[in-house]
Amino acid sequence: AGVAFPALLLGLAACSNSEPDIPDTPVDVLYNDALDTLNGGNARQA
């Protein structure tokens, strides 16, 4: 119990997400932006 409990707390702390929740962009908007970028000549960014 003395070893498992701190390990459990450490494991839960490692699972926390430090990135802010960004709302998902609609799939058609994302895809079309990528396609426009590719057609514009920037293949790496596309």
ModelCIF file with pLDDT and N, C-alpha, C, O atoms, coordinates in Angstrom:
data_MODEL
#
_entry.id   MODEL 
#
_entity.id                         1 
_entity.type                       polymer 
_entity.pdbx_number_of_molecules   1 
#
_entity_poly.entity_id                      1 
_entity_poly.type                           'polypeptide(L)' 
_entity_poly.nstd_linkage                   no 
_entity_poly.nstd_monomer                   no 
_entity_poly.pdbx_seq_one_letter_code       AGVAFPALLLGLAACSNSEPDIPDTPVDVLYNDALDTLNGGNARQA 
_entity_poly.pdbx_seq_one_letter_code_can   AGVAFPALLLGLAACSNSEPDIPDTPVDVLYNDALDTLNGGNARQA 
_entity_poly.pdbx_strand_id                 A 
#
loop_
_entity_poly_seq.entity_id 
_entity_poly_seq.num 
_entity_poly_seq.mon_id 
_entity_poly_seq.hetero 
1 1  ALA n 
1 2  GLY n 
1 3  VAL n 
1 4  ALA n 
1 5  PHE n 
1 6  PRO n 
1 7  ALA n 
1 8  LEU n 
1 9  LEU n 
1 10 LEU n 
1 11 GLY n 
1 12 LEU n 
1 13 ALA n 
1 14 ALA n 
1 15 CYS n 
1 16 SER n 
1 17 ASN n 
1 18 SER n 
1 19 GLU n 
1 20 PRO n 
1 21 ASP n 
1 22 ILE n 
1 23 PRO n 
1 24 ASP n 
1 25 THR n 
1 26 PRO n 
1 27 VAL n 
1 28 ASP n 
1 29 VAL n 
1 30 LEU n 
1 31 TYR n 
1 32 ASN n 
1 33 ASP n 
1 34 ALA n 
1 35 LEU n 
1 36 ASP n 
1 37 THR n 
1 38 LEU n 
1 39 ASN n 
1 40 GLY n 
1 41 GLY n 
1 42 ASN n 
1 43 ALA n 
1 44 ARG n 
1 45 GLN n 
1 46 ALA n 
#
_struct_asym.id          A 
_struct_asym.entity_id   1 
#
loop_
_ma_qa_metric.id 
_ma_qa_metric.mode 
_ma_qa_metric.name 
_ma_qa_metric.software_group_id 
_ma_qa_metric.type 
1 global pLDDT . pLDDT 
2 local  pLDDT . pLDDT 
#
_ma_qa_metric_global.metric_id      1 
_ma_qa_metric_global.metric_value   76.67 
_ma_qa_metric_global.model_id       1 
_ma_qa_metric_global.ordinal_id     1 
#
loop_
_ma_qa_metric_local.label_asym_id 
_ma_qa_metric_local.label_comp_id 
_ma_qa_metric_local.label_seq_id 
_ma_qa_metric_local.metric_id 
_ma_qa_metric_local.metric_value 
_ma_qa_metric_local.model_id 
_ma_qa_metric_local.ordinal_id 
A ALA 1  2 60.00 1 1  
A GLY 2  2 63.00 1 2  
A VAL 3  2 59.00 1 3  
A ALA 4  2 61.00 1 4  
A PHE 5  2 61.00 1 5  
A PRO 6  2 65.00 1 6  
A ALA 7  2 63.00 1 7  
A LEU 8  2 57.00 1 8  
A LEU 9  2 56.00 1 9  
A LEU 10 2 60.00 1 10 
A GLY 11 2 61.00 1 11 
A LEU 12 2 56.00 1 12 
A ALA 13 2 57.00 1 13 
A ALA 14 2 58.00 1 14 
A CYS 15 2 58.00 1 15 
A SER 16 2 54.00 1 16 
A ASN 17 2 56.00 1 17 
A SER 18 2 55.00 1 18 
A GLU 19 2 52.00 1 19 
A PRO 20 2 50.00 1 20 
A ASP 21 2 56.00 1 21 
A ILE 22 2 55.00 1 22 
A PRO 23 2 65.00 1 23 
A ASP 24 2 80.00 1 24 
A THR 25 2 87.00 1 25 
A PRO 26 2 93.00 1 26 
A VAL 27 2 94.00 1 27 
A ASP 28 2 94.00 1 28 
A VAL 29 2 95.00 1 29 
A LEU 30 2 95.00 1 30 
A TYR 31 2 97.00 1 31 
A ASN 32 2 97.00 1 32 
A ASP 33 2 97.00 1 33 
A ALA 34 2 97.00 1 34 
A LEU 35 2 97.00 1 35 
A ASP 36 2 98.00 1 36 
A THR 37 2 97.00 1 37 
A LEU 38 2 97.00 1 38 
A ASN 39 2 97.00 1 39 
A GLY 40 2 97.00 1 40 
A GLY 41 2 96.00 1 41 
A ASN 42 2 97.00 1 42 
A ALA 43 2 97.00 1 43 
A ARG 44 2 96.00 1 44 
A GLN 45 2 97.00 1 45 
A ALA 46 2 97.00 1 46 
#
loop_
_atom_site.group_PDB 
_atom_site.id 
_atom_site.type_symbol 
_atom_site.label_atom_id 
_atom_site.label_alt_id 
_atom_site.label_comp_id 
_atom_site.label_asym_id 
_atom_site.label_entity_id 
_atom_site.label_seq_id 
_atom_site.pdbx_PDB_ins_code 
_atom_site.Cartn_x 
_atom_site.Cartn_y 
_atom_site.Cartn_z 
_atom_site.occupancy 
_atom_site.B_iso_or_equiv 
_atom_site.pdbx_formal_charge 
_atom_site.auth_seq_id 
_atom_site.auth_comp_id 
_atom_site.auth_asym_id 
_atom_site.auth_atom_id 
_atom_site.pdbx_PDB_model_num 
ATOM 1   N N  . ALA A 1 1  ? 0.829   -1.204 0.000   1.00 60.00 ? 1  ALA A N  1 
ATOM 2   C CA . ALA A 1 1  ? 0.000   0.000  0.000   1.00 60.00 ? 1  ALA A CA 1 
ATOM 3   C C  . ALA A 1 1  ? 0.865   1.255  0.000   1.00 60.00 ? 1  ALA A C  1 
ATOM 4   O O  . ALA A 1 1  ? 0.511   2.254  -0.628  1.00 60.00 ? 1  ALA A O  1 
ATOM 5   N N  . GLY A 1 2  ? 1.985   1.210  0.694   1.00 63.00 ? 2  GLY A N  1 
ATOM 6   C CA . GLY A 1 2  ? 2.879   2.362  0.740   1.00 63.00 ? 2  GLY A CA 1 
ATOM 7   C C  . GLY A 1 2  ? 3.580   2.626  -0.581  1.00 63.00 ? 2  GLY A C  1 
ATOM 8   O O  . GLY A 1 2  ? 3.995   3.756  -0.840  1.00 63.00 ? 2  GLY A O  1 
ATOM 9   N N  . VAL A 1 3  ? 3.719   1.615  -1.414  1.00 59.00 ? 3  VAL A N  1 
ATOM 10  C CA . VAL A 1 3  ? 4.372   1.770  -2.704  1.00 59.00 ? 3  VAL A CA 1 
ATOM 11  C C  . VAL A 1 3  ? 3.346   1.969  -3.815  1.00 59.00 ? 3  VAL A C  1 
ATOM 12  O O  . VAL A 1 3  ? 3.560   2.782  -4.715  1.00 59.00 ? 3  VAL A O  1 
ATOM 13  N N  . ALA A 1 4  ? 2.253   1.249  -3.764  1.00 61.00 ? 4  ALA A N  1 
ATOM 14  C CA . ALA A 1 4  ? 1.271   1.277  -4.841  1.00 61.00 ? 4  ALA A CA 1 
ATOM 15  C C  . ALA A 1 4  ? 0.527   2.608  -4.900  1.00 61.00 ? 4  ALA A C  1 
ATOM 16  O O  . ALA A 1 4  ? 0.271   3.111  -5.994  1.00 61.00 ? 4  ALA A O  1 
ATOM 17  N N  . PHE A 1 5  ? 0.184   3.177  -3.786  1.00 61.00 ? 5  PHE A N  1 
ATOM 18  C CA . PHE A 1 5  ? -0.591  4.414  -3.788  1.00 61.00 ? 5  PHE A CA 1 
ATOM 19  C C  . PHE A 1 5  ? 0.186   5.578  -4.410  1.00 61.00 ? 5  PHE A C  1 
ATOM 20  O O  . PHE A 1 5  ? -0.364  6.269  -5.268  1.00 61.00 ? 5  PHE A O  1 
ATOM 21  N N  . PRO A 1 6  ? 1.435   5.823  -4.017  1.00 65.00 ? 6  PRO A N  1 
ATOM 22  C CA . PRO A 1 6  ? 2.183   6.899  -4.702  1.00 65.00 ? 6  PRO A CA 1 
ATOM 23  C C  . PRO A 1 6  ? 2.396   6.614  -6.188  1.00 65.00 ? 6  PRO A C  1 
ATOM 24  O O  . PRO A 1 6  ? 2.377   7.535  -7.004  1.00 65.00 ? 6  PRO A O  1 
ATOM 25  N N  . ALA A 1 7  ? 2.596   5.350  -6.540  1.00 63.00 ? 7  ALA A N  1 
ATOM 26  C CA . ALA A 1 7  ? 2.763   5.010  -7.958  1.00 63.00 ? 7  ALA A CA 1 
ATOM 27  C C  . ALA A 1 7  ? 1.484   5.291  -8.728  1.00 63.00 ? 7  ALA A C  1 
ATOM 28  O O  . ALA A 1 7  ? 1.536   5.750  -9.869  1.00 63.00 ? 7  ALA A O  1 
ATOM 29  N N  . LEU A 1 8  ? 0.347   5.023  -8.124  1.00 57.00 ? 8  LEU A N  1 
ATOM 30  C CA . LEU A 1 8  ? -0.935  5.302  -8.749  1.00 57.00 ? 8  LEU A CA 1 
ATOM 31  C C  . LEU A 1 8  ? -1.125  6.804  -8.954  1.00 57.00 ? 8  LEU A C  1 
ATOM 32  O O  . LEU A 1 8  ? -1.575  7.238  -10.014 1.00 57.00 ? 8  LEU A O  1 
ATOM 33  N N  . LEU A 1 9  ? -0.784  7.587  -7.949  1.00 56.00 ? 9  LEU A N  1 
ATOM 34  C CA . LEU A 1 9  ? -0.899  9.039  -8.075  1.00 56.00 ? 9  LEU A CA 1 
ATOM 35  C C  . LEU A 1 9  ? 0.023   9.583  -9.154  1.00 56.00 ? 9  LEU A C  1 
ATOM 36  O O  . LEU A 1 9  ? -0.356  10.477 -9.911  1.00 56.00 ? 9  LEU A O  1 
ATOM 37  N N  . LEU A 1 10 ? 1.229   9.045  -9.224  1.00 60.00 ? 10 LEU A N  1 
ATOM 38  C CA . LEU A 1 10 ? 2.175   9.478  -10.253 1.00 60.00 ? 10 LEU A CA 1 
ATOM 39  C C  . LEU A 1 10 ? 1.657   9.117  -11.640 1.00 60.00 ? 10 LEU A C  1 
ATOM 40  O O  . LEU A 1 10 ? 1.781   9.908  -12.575 1.00 60.00 ? 10 LEU A O  1 
ATOM 41  N N  . GLY A 1 11 ? 1.084   7.940  -11.777 1.00 61.00 ? 11 GLY A N  1 
ATOM 42  C CA . GLY A 1 11 ? 0.524   7.517  -13.061 1.00 61.00 ? 11 GLY A CA 1 
ATOM 43  C C  . GLY A 1 11 ? -0.628  8.391  -13.496 1.00 61.00 ? 11 GLY A C  1 
ATOM 44  O O  . GLY A 1 11 ? -0.737  8.728  -14.675 1.00 61.00 ? 11 GLY A O  1 
ATOM 45  N N  . LEU A 1 12 ? -1.490  8.764  -12.569 1.00 56.00 ? 12 LEU A N  1 
ATOM 46  C CA . LEU A 1 12 ? -2.613  9.641  -12.906 1.00 56.00 ? 12 LEU A CA 1 
ATOM 47  C C  . LEU A 1 12 ? -2.139  11.036 -13.271 1.00 56.00 ? 12 LEU A C  1 
ATOM 48  O O  . LEU A 1 12 ? -2.713  11.669 -14.157 1.00 56.00 ? 12 LEU A O  1 
ATOM 49  N N  . ALA A 1 13 ? -1.118  11.519 -12.614 1.00 57.00 ? 13 ALA A N  1 
ATOM 50  C CA . ALA A 1 13 ? -0.592  12.844 -12.925 1.00 57.00 ? 13 ALA A CA 1 
ATOM 51  C C  . ALA A 1 13 ? 0.030   12.859 -14.314 1.00 57.00 ? 13 ALA A C  1 
ATOM 52  O O  . ALA A 1 13 ? -0.028  13.876 -15.006 1.00 57.00 ? 13 ALA A O  1 
ATOM 53  N N  . ALA A 1 14 ? 0.620   11.754 -14.728 1.00 58.00 ? 14 ALA A N  1 
ATOM 54  C CA . ALA A 1 14 ? 1.234   11.683 -16.053 1.00 58.00 ? 14 ALA A CA 1 
ATOM 55  C C  . ALA A 1 14 ? 0.191   11.684 -17.158 1.00 58.00 ? 14 ALA A C  1 
ATOM 56  O O  . ALA A 1 14 ? 0.500   12.032 -18.298 1.00 58.00 ? 14 ALA A O  1 
ATOM 57  N N  . CYS A 1 15 ? -1.038  11.300 -16.840 1.00 58.00 ? 15 CYS A N  1 
ATOM 58  C CA . CYS A 1 15 ? -2.101  11.244 -17.838 1.00 58.00 ? 15 CYS A CA 1 
ATOM 59  C C  . CYS A 1 15 ? -2.781  12.583 -18.057 1.00 58.00 ? 15 CYS A C  1 
ATOM 60  O O  . CYS A 1 15 ? -3.618  12.703 -18.952 1.00 58.00 ? 15 CYS A O  1 
ATOM 61  N N  . SER A 1 16 ? -2.451  13.573 -17.280 1.00 54.00 ? 16 SER A N  1 
ATOM 62  C CA . SER A 1 16 ? -3.126  14.850 -17.442 1.00 54.00 ? 16 SER A CA 1 
ATOM 63  C C  . SER A 1 16 ? -2.739  15.490 -18.759 1.00 54.00 ? 16 SER A C  1 
ATOM 64  O O  . SER A 1 16 ? -1.615  15.326 -19.235 1.00 54.00 ? 16 SER A O  1 
ATOM 65  N N  . ASN A 1 17 ? -3.660  16.207 -19.334 1.00 56.00 ? 17 ASN A N  1 
ATOM 66  C CA . ASN A 1 17 ? -3.442  16.837 -20.632 1.00 56.00 ? 17 ASN A CA 1 
ATOM 67  C C  . ASN A 1 17 ? -3.167  18.314 -20.403 1.00 56.00 ? 17 ASN A C  1 
ATOM 68  O O  . ASN A 1 17 ? -4.027  19.044 -19.911 1.00 56.00 ? 17 ASN A O  1 
ATOM 69  N N  . SER A 1 18 ? -1.967  18.752 -20.761 1.00 55.00 ? 18 SER A N  1 
ATOM 70  C CA . SER A 1 18 ? -1.611  20.145 -20.542 1.00 55.00 ? 18 SER A CA 1 
ATOM 71  C C  . SER A 1 18 ? -2.027  21.030 -21.708 1.00 55.00 ? 18 SER A C  1 
ATOM 72  O O  . SER A 1 18 ? -1.982  22.255 -21.595 1.00 55.00 ? 18 SER A O  1 
ATOM 73  N N  . GLU A 1 19 ? -2.432  20.434 -22.826 1.00 52.00 ? 19 GLU A N  1 
ATOM 74  C CA . GLU A 1 19 ? -2.856  21.219 -23.965 1.00 52.00 ? 19 GLU A CA 1 
ATOM 75  C C  . GLU A 1 19 ? -4.290  21.693 -23.764 1.00 52.00 ? 19 GLU A C  1 
ATOM 76  O O  . GLU A 1 19 ? -5.120  20.954 -23.233 1.00 52.00 ? 19 GLU A O  1 
ATOM 77  N N  . PRO A 1 20 ? -4.586  22.921 -24.186 1.00 50.00 ? 20 PRO A N  1 
ATOM 78  C CA . PRO A 1 20 ? -5.961  23.387 -24.062 1.00 50.00 ? 20 PRO A CA 1 
ATOM 79  C C  . PRO A 1 20 ? -6.857  22.642 -25.046 1.00 50.00 ? 20 PRO A C  1 
ATOM 80  O O  . PRO A 1 20 ? -6.404  22.208 -26.105 1.00 50.00 ? 20 PRO A O  1 
ATOM 81  N N  . ASP A 1 21 ? -8.113  22.498 -24.691 1.00 56.00 ? 21 ASP A N  1 
ATOM 82  C CA . ASP A 1 21 ? -9.055  21.838 -25.585 1.00 56.00 ? 21 ASP A CA 1 
ATOM 83  C C  . ASP A 1 21 ? -9.412  22.778 -26.718 1.00 56.00 ? 21 ASP A C  1 
ATOM 84  O O  . ASP A 1 21 ? -10.026 23.824 -26.508 1.00 56.00 ? 21 ASP A O  1 
ATOM 85  N N  . ILE A 1 22 ? -9.022  22.393 -27.916 1.00 55.00 ? 22 ILE A N  1 
ATOM 86  C CA . ILE A 1 22 ? -9.322  23.174 -29.103 1.00 55.00 ? 22 ILE A CA 1 
ATOM 87  C C  . ILE A 1 22 ? -10.478 22.489 -29.804 1.00 55.00 ? 22 ILE A C  1 
ATOM 88  O O  . ILE A 1 22 ? -10.414 21.291 -30.078 1.00 55.00 ? 22 ILE A O  1 
ATOM 89  N N  . PRO A 1 23 ? -11.520 23.222 -30.095 1.00 65.00 ? 23 PRO A N  1 
ATOM 90  C CA . PRO A 1 23 ? -12.646 22.574 -30.761 1.00 65.00 ? 23 PRO A CA 1 
ATOM 91  C C  . PRO A 1 23 ? -12.236 22.063 -32.142 1.00 65.00 ? 23 PRO A C  1 
ATOM 92  O O  . PRO A 1 23 ? -11.466 22.709 -32.854 1.00 65.00 ? 23 PRO A O  1 
ATOM 93  N N  . ASP A 1 24 ? -12.755 20.910 -32.503 1.00 80.00 ? 24 ASP A N  1 
ATOM 94  C CA . ASP A 1 24 ? -12.433 20.320 -33.790 1.00 80.00 ? 24 ASP A CA 1 
ATOM 95  C C  . ASP A 1 24 ? -13.019 21.156 -34.918 1.00 80.00 ? 24 ASP A C  1 
ATOM 96  O O  . ASP A 1 24 ? -14.138 21.660 -34.826 1.00 80.00 ? 24 ASP A O  1 
ATOM 97  N N  . THR A 1 25 ? -12.242 21.292 -35.974 1.00 87.00 ? 25 THR A N  1 
ATOM 98  C CA . THR A 1 25 ? -12.692 21.979 -37.175 1.00 87.00 ? 25 THR A CA 1 
ATOM 99  C C  . THR A 1 25 ? -13.468 20.979 -38.013 1.00 87.00 ? 25 THR A C  1 
ATOM 100 O O  . THR A 1 25 ? -13.090 19.808 -38.067 1.00 87.00 ? 25 THR A O  1 
ATOM 101 N N  . PRO A 1 26 ? -14.534 21.401 -38.663 1.00 93.00 ? 26 PRO A N  1 
ATOM 102 C CA . PRO A 1 26 ? -15.276 20.461 -39.517 1.00 93.00 ? 26 PRO A CA 1 
ATOM 103 C C  . PRO A 1 26 ? -14.357 19.822 -40.555 1.00 93.00 ? 26 PRO A C  1 
ATOM 104 O O  . PRO A 1 26 ? -13.448 20.465 -41.080 1.00 93.00 ? 26 PRO A O  1 
ATOM 105 N N  . VAL A 1 27 ? -14.606 18.558 -40.836 1.00 94.00 ? 27 VAL A N  1 
ATOM 106 C CA . VAL A 1 27 ? -13.713 17.776 -41.679 1.00 94.00 ? 27 VAL A CA 1 
ATOM 107 C C  . VAL A 1 27 ? -13.610 18.342 -43.089 1.00 94.00 ? 27 VAL A C  1 
ATOM 108 O O  . VAL A 1 27 ? -12.530 18.329 -43.680 1.00 94.00 ? 27 VAL A O  1 
ATOM 109 N N  . ASP A 1 28 ? -14.710 18.833 -43.634 1.00 94.00 ? 28 ASP A N  1 
ATOM 110 C CA . ASP A 1 28 ? -14.651 19.357 -44.998 1.00 94.00 ? 28 ASP A CA 1 
ATOM 111 C C  . ASP A 1 28 ? -13.835 20.631 -45.084 1.00 94.00 ? 28 ASP A C  1 
ATOM 112 O O  . ASP A 1 28 ? -13.178 20.886 -46.093 1.00 94.00 ? 28 ASP A O  1 
ATOM 113 N N  . VAL A 1 29 ? -13.874 21.434 -44.032 1.00 95.00 ? 29 VAL A N  1 
ATOM 114 C CA . VAL A 1 29 ? -13.075 22.665 -43.999 1.00 95.00 ? 29 VAL A CA 1 
ATOM 115 C C  . VAL A 1 29 ? -11.592 22.326 -43.928 1.00 95.00 ? 29 VAL A C  1 
ATOM 116 O O  . VAL A 1 29 ? -10.781 22.914 -44.644 1.00 95.00 ? 29 VAL A O  1 
ATOM 117 N N  . LEU A 1 30 ? -11.238 21.377 -43.065 1.00 95.00 ? 30 LEU A N  1 
ATOM 118 C CA . LEU A 1 30 ? -9.840  20.958 -42.939 1.00 95.00 ? 30 LEU A CA 1 
ATOM 119 C C  . LEU A 1 30 ? -9.307  20.391 -44.256 1.00 95.00 ? 30 LEU A C  1 
ATOM 120 O O  . LEU A 1 30 ? -8.221  20.755 -44.708 1.00 95.00 ? 30 LEU A O  1 
ATOM 121 N N  . TYR A 1 31 ? -10.077 19.509 -44.854 1.00 97.00 ? 31 TYR A N  1 
ATOM 122 C CA . TYR A 1 31 ? -9.633  18.855 -46.082 1.00 97.00 ? 31 TYR A CA 1 
ATOM 123 C C  . TYR A 1 31 ? -9.469  19.881 -47.207 1.00 97.00 ? 31 TYR A C  1 
ATOM 124 O O  . TYR A 1 31 ? -8.477  19.857 -47.936 1.00 97.00 ? 31 TYR A O  1 
ATOM 125 N N  . ASN A 1 32 ? -10.440 20.774 -47.343 1.00 97.00 ? 32 ASN A N  1 
ATOM 126 C CA . ASN A 1 32 ? -10.365 21.774 -48.408 1.00 97.00 ? 32 ASN A CA 1 
ATOM 127 C C  . ASN A 1 32 ? -9.213  22.758 -48.194 1.00 97.00 ? 32 ASN A C  1 
ATOM 128 O O  . ASN A 1 32 ? -8.587  23.197 -49.158 1.00 97.00 ? 32 ASN A O  1 
ATOM 129 N N  . ASP A 1 33 ? -8.935  23.101 -46.948 1.00 97.00 ? 33 ASP A N  1 
ATOM 130 C CA . ASP A 1 33 ? -7.771  23.952 -46.658 1.00 97.00 ? 33 ASP A CA 1 
ATOM 131 C C  . ASP A 1 33 ? -6.479  23.253 -47.077 1.00 97.00 ? 33 ASP A C  1 
ATOM 132 O O  . ASP A 1 33 ? -5.589  23.873 -47.659 1.00 97.00 ? 33 ASP A O  1 
ATOM 133 N N  . ALA A 1 34 ? -6.387  21.973 -46.780 1.00 97.00 ? 34 ALA A N  1 
ATOM 134 C CA . ALA A 1 34 ? -5.199  21.207 -47.159 1.00 97.00 ? 34 ALA A CA 1 
ATOM 135 C C  . ALA A 1 34 ? -5.067  21.116 -48.673 1.00 97.00 ? 34 ALA A C  1 
ATOM 136 O O  . ALA A 1 34 ? -3.972  21.249 -49.218 1.00 97.00 ? 34 ALA A O  1 
ATOM 137 N N  . LEU A 1 35 ? -6.190  20.889 -49.349 1.00 97.00 ? 35 LEU A N  1 
ATOM 138 C CA . LEU A 1 35 ? -6.169  20.787 -50.804 1.00 97.00 ? 35 LEU A CA 1 
ATOM 139 C C  . LEU A 1 35 ? -5.797  22.126 -51.444 1.00 97.00 ? 35 LEU A C  1 
ATOM 140 O O  . LEU A 1 35 ? -5.039  22.160 -52.414 1.00 97.00 ? 35 LEU A O  1 
ATOM 141 N N  . ASP A 1 36 ? -6.324  23.219 -50.909 1.00 98.00 ? 36 ASP A N  1 
ATOM 142 C CA . ASP A 1 36 ? -5.966  24.550 -51.409 1.00 98.00 ? 36 ASP A CA 1 
ATOM 143 C C  . ASP A 1 36 ? -4.473  24.829 -51.204 1.00 98.00 ? 36 ASP A C  1 
ATOM 144 O O  . ASP A 1 36 ? -3.819  25.417 -52.065 1.00 98.00 ? 36 ASP A O  1 
ATOM 145 N N  . THR A 1 37 ? -3.951  24.404 -50.066 1.00 97.00 ? 37 THR A N  1 
ATOM 146 C CA . THR A 1 37 ? -2.531  24.585 -49.775 1.00 97.00 ? 37 THR A CA 1 
ATOM 147 C C  . THR A 1 37 ? -1.682  23.786 -50.756 1.00 97.00 ? 37 THR A C  1 
ATOM 148 O O  . THR A 1 37 ? -0.661  24.274 -51.242 1.00 97.00 ? 37 THR A O  1 
ATOM 149 N N  . LEU A 1 38 ? -2.105  22.555 -51.046 1.00 97.00 ? 38 LEU A N  1 
ATOM 150 C CA . LEU A 1 38 ? -1.379  21.723 -52.010 1.00 97.00 ? 38 LEU A CA 1 
ATOM 151 C C  . LEU A 1 38 ? -1.426  22.353 -53.399 1.00 97.00 ? 38 LEU A C  1 
ATOM 152 O O  . LEU A 1 38 ? -0.406  22.412 -54.085 1.00 97.00 ? 38 LEU A O  1 
ATOM 153 N N  . ASN A 1 39 ? -2.600  22.822 -53.819 1.00 97.00 ? 39 ASN A N  1 
ATOM 154 C CA . ASN A 1 39 ? -2.734  23.457 -55.128 1.00 97.00 ? 39 ASN A CA 1 
ATOM 155 C C  . ASN A 1 39 ? -1.968  24.770 -55.194 1.00 97.00 ? 39 ASN A C  1 
ATOM 156 O O  . ASN A 1 39 ? -1.594  25.219 -56.277 1.00 97.00 ? 39 ASN A O  1 
ATOM 157 N N  . GLY A 1 40 ? -1.734  25.381 -54.054 1.00 97.00 ? 40 GLY A N  1 
ATOM 158 C CA . GLY A 1 40 ? -0.961  26.612 -54.000 1.00 97.00 ? 40 GLY A CA 1 
ATOM 159 C C  . GLY A 1 40 ? 0.542   26.374 -54.058 1.00 97.00 ? 40 GLY A C  1 
ATOM 160 O O  . GLY A 1 40 ? 1.316   27.328 -54.120 1.00 97.00 ? 40 GLY A O  1 
ATOM 161 N N  . GLY A 1 41 ? 0.963   25.111 -54.037 1.00 96.00 ? 41 GLY A N  1 
ATOM 162 C CA . GLY A 1 41 ? 2.374   24.800 -54.187 1.00 96.00 ? 41 GLY A CA 1 
ATOM 163 C C  . GLY A 1 41 ? 3.127   24.494 -52.906 1.00 96.00 ? 41 GLY A C  1 
ATOM 164 O O  . GLY A 1 41 ? 4.331   24.244 -52.952 1.00 96.00 ? 41 GLY A O  1 
ATOM 165 N N  . ASN A 1 42 ? 2.459   24.508 -51.778 1.00 97.00 ? 42 ASN A N  1 
ATOM 166 C CA . ASN A 1 42 ? 3.137   24.229 -50.514 1.00 97.00 ? 42 ASN A CA 1 
ATOM 167 C C  . ASN A 1 42 ? 2.791   22.801 -50.067 1.00 97.00 ? 42 ASN A C  1 
ATOM 168 O O  . ASN A 1 42 ? 1.929   22.600 -49.212 1.00 97.00 ? 42 ASN A O  1 
ATOM 169 N N  . ALA A 1 43 ? 3.470   21.828 -50.653 1.00 97.00 ? 43 ALA A N  1 
ATOM 170 C CA . ALA A 1 43 ? 3.142   20.421 -50.415 1.00 97.00 ? 43 ALA A CA 1 
ATOM 171 C C  . ALA A 1 43 ? 3.461   19.981 -48.990 1.00 97.00 ? 43 ALA A C  1 
ATOM 172 O O  . ALA A 1 43 ? 2.720   19.183 -48.417 1.00 97.00 ? 43 ALA A O  1 
ATOM 173 N N  . ARG A 1 44 ? 4.547   20.483 -48.408 1.00 96.00 ? 44 ARG A N  1 
ATOM 174 C CA . ARG A 1 44 ? 4.913   20.077 -47.052 1.00 96.00 ? 44 ARG A CA 1 
ATOM 175 C C  . ARG A 1 44 ? 3.857   20.522 -46.037 1.00 96.00 ? 44 ARG A C  1 
ATOM 176 O O  . ARG A 1 44 ? 3.478   19.748 -45.157 1.00 96.00 ? 44 ARG A O  1 
ATOM 177 N N  . GLN A 1 45 ? 3.386   21.747 -46.153 1.00 97.00 ? 45 GLN A N  1 
ATOM 178 C CA . GLN A 1 45 ? 2.337   22.243 -45.247 1.00 97.00 ? 45 GLN A CA 1 
ATOM 179 C C  . GLN A 1 45 ? 1.023   21.515 -45.511 1.00 97.00 ? 45 GLN A C  1 
ATOM 180 O O  . GLN A 1 45 ? 0.270   21.234 -44.579 1.00 97.00 ? 45 GLN A O  1 
ATOM 181 N N  . ALA A 1 46 ? 0.747   21.209 -46.774 1.00 97.00 ? 46 ALA A N  1 
ATOM 182 C CA . ALA A 1 46 ? -0.478  20.478 -47.117 1.00 97.00 ? 46 ALA A CA 1 
ATOM 183 C C  . ALA A 1 46 ? -0.470  19.101 -46.471 1.00 97.00 ? 46 ALA A C  1 
ATOM 184 O O  . ALA A 1 46 ? -1.418  18.333 -46.642 1.00 97.00 ? 46 ALA A O  1 
#
